[in-house]
Protein backbone atom coordinates (compact mmCIF):
# COMPACT_ATOMS: atom_id res chain seq x y z
CA MET A 1 -112.00 -117.36 -151.13
CA PRO A 2 -109.26 -114.73 -151.52
CA ARG A 3 -109.86 -111.14 -150.56
CA PRO A 4 -110.53 -108.68 -153.37
CA ARG A 5 -107.44 -106.83 -154.54
CA ARG A 6 -107.19 -103.27 -153.33
CA SER A 7 -104.98 -100.41 -154.32
CA ASP A 8 -102.17 -99.69 -151.89
CA LEU A 9 -101.79 -96.06 -152.96
CA SER A 10 -102.34 -94.74 -149.45
CA GLN A 11 -99.73 -97.14 -148.06
CA ARG A 12 -96.87 -95.96 -150.26
CA SER A 13 -94.56 -93.23 -149.06
CA ARG A 14 -93.54 -90.38 -151.33
CA ASN A 15 -89.98 -91.62 -151.35
CA ALA A 16 -91.04 -95.15 -152.35
CA ILE A 17 -93.09 -93.74 -155.22
CA ARG A 18 -90.18 -91.52 -156.30
CA LEU A 19 -87.75 -94.45 -156.26
CA ARG A 20 -90.11 -96.68 -158.23
CA ASN A 21 -90.65 -93.98 -160.86
CA ALA A 22 -86.91 -93.38 -161.15
CA THR A 23 -86.30 -97.12 -161.59
CA ASN A 24 -89.02 -97.43 -164.20
CA ASN A 25 -87.64 -94.48 -166.16
CA THR A 26 -84.08 -95.81 -166.45
CA THR A 27 -82.93 -97.67 -169.52
CA GLU A 28 -81.44 -101.15 -169.45
CA GLU A 29 -78.00 -99.68 -170.18
CA GLU A 30 -78.26 -97.31 -167.19
CA LYS A 31 -79.34 -100.19 -164.96
CA GLU A 32 -76.33 -102.23 -166.08
CA ILE A 33 -73.99 -99.30 -165.32
CA ALA A 34 -75.55 -98.92 -161.85
CA ARG A 35 -75.15 -102.67 -161.17
CA GLU A 36 -71.49 -102.53 -162.17
CA ARG A 37 -70.90 -99.50 -159.93
CA CYS A 38 -72.53 -101.33 -157.02
CA ARG A 39 -70.44 -104.44 -157.67
CA LEU A 40 -67.21 -102.40 -157.71
CA ARG A 41 -68.21 -100.56 -154.53
CA MET A 42 -68.73 -103.90 -152.76
CA VAL A 43 -65.38 -105.21 -153.99
CA ARG A 44 -63.65 -102.12 -152.55
CA LEU A 45 -65.56 -102.46 -149.28
CA ARG A 46 -64.63 -106.13 -148.87
CA ALA A 47 -60.99 -105.40 -149.68
CA SER A 48 -60.82 -102.55 -147.15
CA GLN A 49 -62.19 -104.54 -144.19
CA THR A 50 -60.43 -107.24 -142.25
CA GLU A 51 -62.21 -110.44 -141.27
CA GLU A 52 -62.27 -109.27 -137.63
CA GLN A 53 -64.02 -106.03 -138.62
CA ARG A 54 -66.59 -107.94 -140.66
CA GLU A 55 -67.23 -110.37 -137.80
CA ALA A 56 -67.60 -107.50 -135.29
CA ARG A 57 -70.15 -105.81 -137.58
CA ARG A 58 -72.04 -109.08 -138.02
CA GLN A 59 -72.10 -109.63 -134.26
CA THR A 60 -73.48 -106.12 -133.71
CA GLU A 61 -76.17 -106.70 -136.33
CA ARG A 62 -77.09 -110.06 -134.76
CA LEU A 63 -77.48 -108.47 -131.34
CA ALA A 64 -79.59 -105.63 -132.77
CA LEU A 65 -81.83 -108.15 -134.54
CA ARG A 66 -82.18 -110.18 -131.35
CA ASN A 67 -83.15 -107.04 -129.42
CA ARG A 68 -85.75 -106.11 -132.05
CA ARG A 69 -87.22 -109.62 -131.97
CA THR A 70 -87.43 -109.52 -128.18
CA TYR A 71 -90.17 -106.89 -128.31
CA GLN A 72 -92.20 -108.37 -131.19
CA THR A 73 -95.00 -109.53 -128.91
CA ALA A 74 -98.69 -109.12 -129.73
CA CYS A 75 -99.97 -107.08 -126.76
CA VAL A 76 -96.93 -105.43 -125.24
CA ALA A 77 -96.20 -101.75 -125.73
CA LEU A 78 -93.11 -100.04 -124.34
CA LYS A 79 -93.85 -96.85 -122.44
CA SER A 80 -90.38 -96.12 -121.07
CA VAL A 81 -87.26 -98.04 -120.23
CA GLY A 82 -88.20 -100.94 -118.00
CA GLU A 83 -91.93 -100.15 -118.00
CA ILE A 84 -94.28 -102.41 -119.95
CA ASP A 85 -97.97 -101.76 -120.52
CA THR A 86 -99.96 -104.83 -121.57
CA HIS A 87 -103.36 -103.14 -121.50
CA GLN A 88 -102.97 -100.77 -124.45
CA SER A 89 -104.29 -101.64 -127.87
CA PRO A 90 -101.50 -102.78 -130.25
CA LYS A 91 -102.76 -100.55 -133.05
CA LEU A 92 -101.97 -97.45 -130.96
CA PHE A 93 -98.31 -98.40 -130.85
CA GLY A 94 -97.75 -99.36 -134.48
CA ASP A 95 -94.27 -97.84 -134.59
CA PHE A 96 -93.02 -99.99 -131.73
CA LEU A 97 -95.02 -103.11 -132.29
CA HIS A 98 -94.63 -105.67 -135.02
CA LEU A 99 -97.17 -108.43 -134.77
CA VAL A 100 -95.76 -111.85 -135.41
C-alpha cells in the first residue's frame, strides 16, 4: 500500500519556490523567447570551444563525479582528509553523505 501523500513545503528552499513562481508567471511567448536565447547561447559556446577543450572539461567532470561516487557509502562520514569515522550516524552528516 503506498504511503499517504504529504506536502513538501518544508523541504523547498526559498530560491526553489521563487524560481517556480517566476516560471509559472511567465507567458508562453516569454518562455519561447527564453528558449531561443538559451539555444543561441549554446550555439555560441559550442562554436567558441575546440574539441580538445570540450574533452578536457568532460574528463574533469567525469573525475569529479567518480570522486563524489567514491564517498556515497551508507555508514561512512568524513571527518578530515584521510580520516574516516564509521561509527557516526549517517543522518548527522547529511551534507556529506548520500545514501545509495
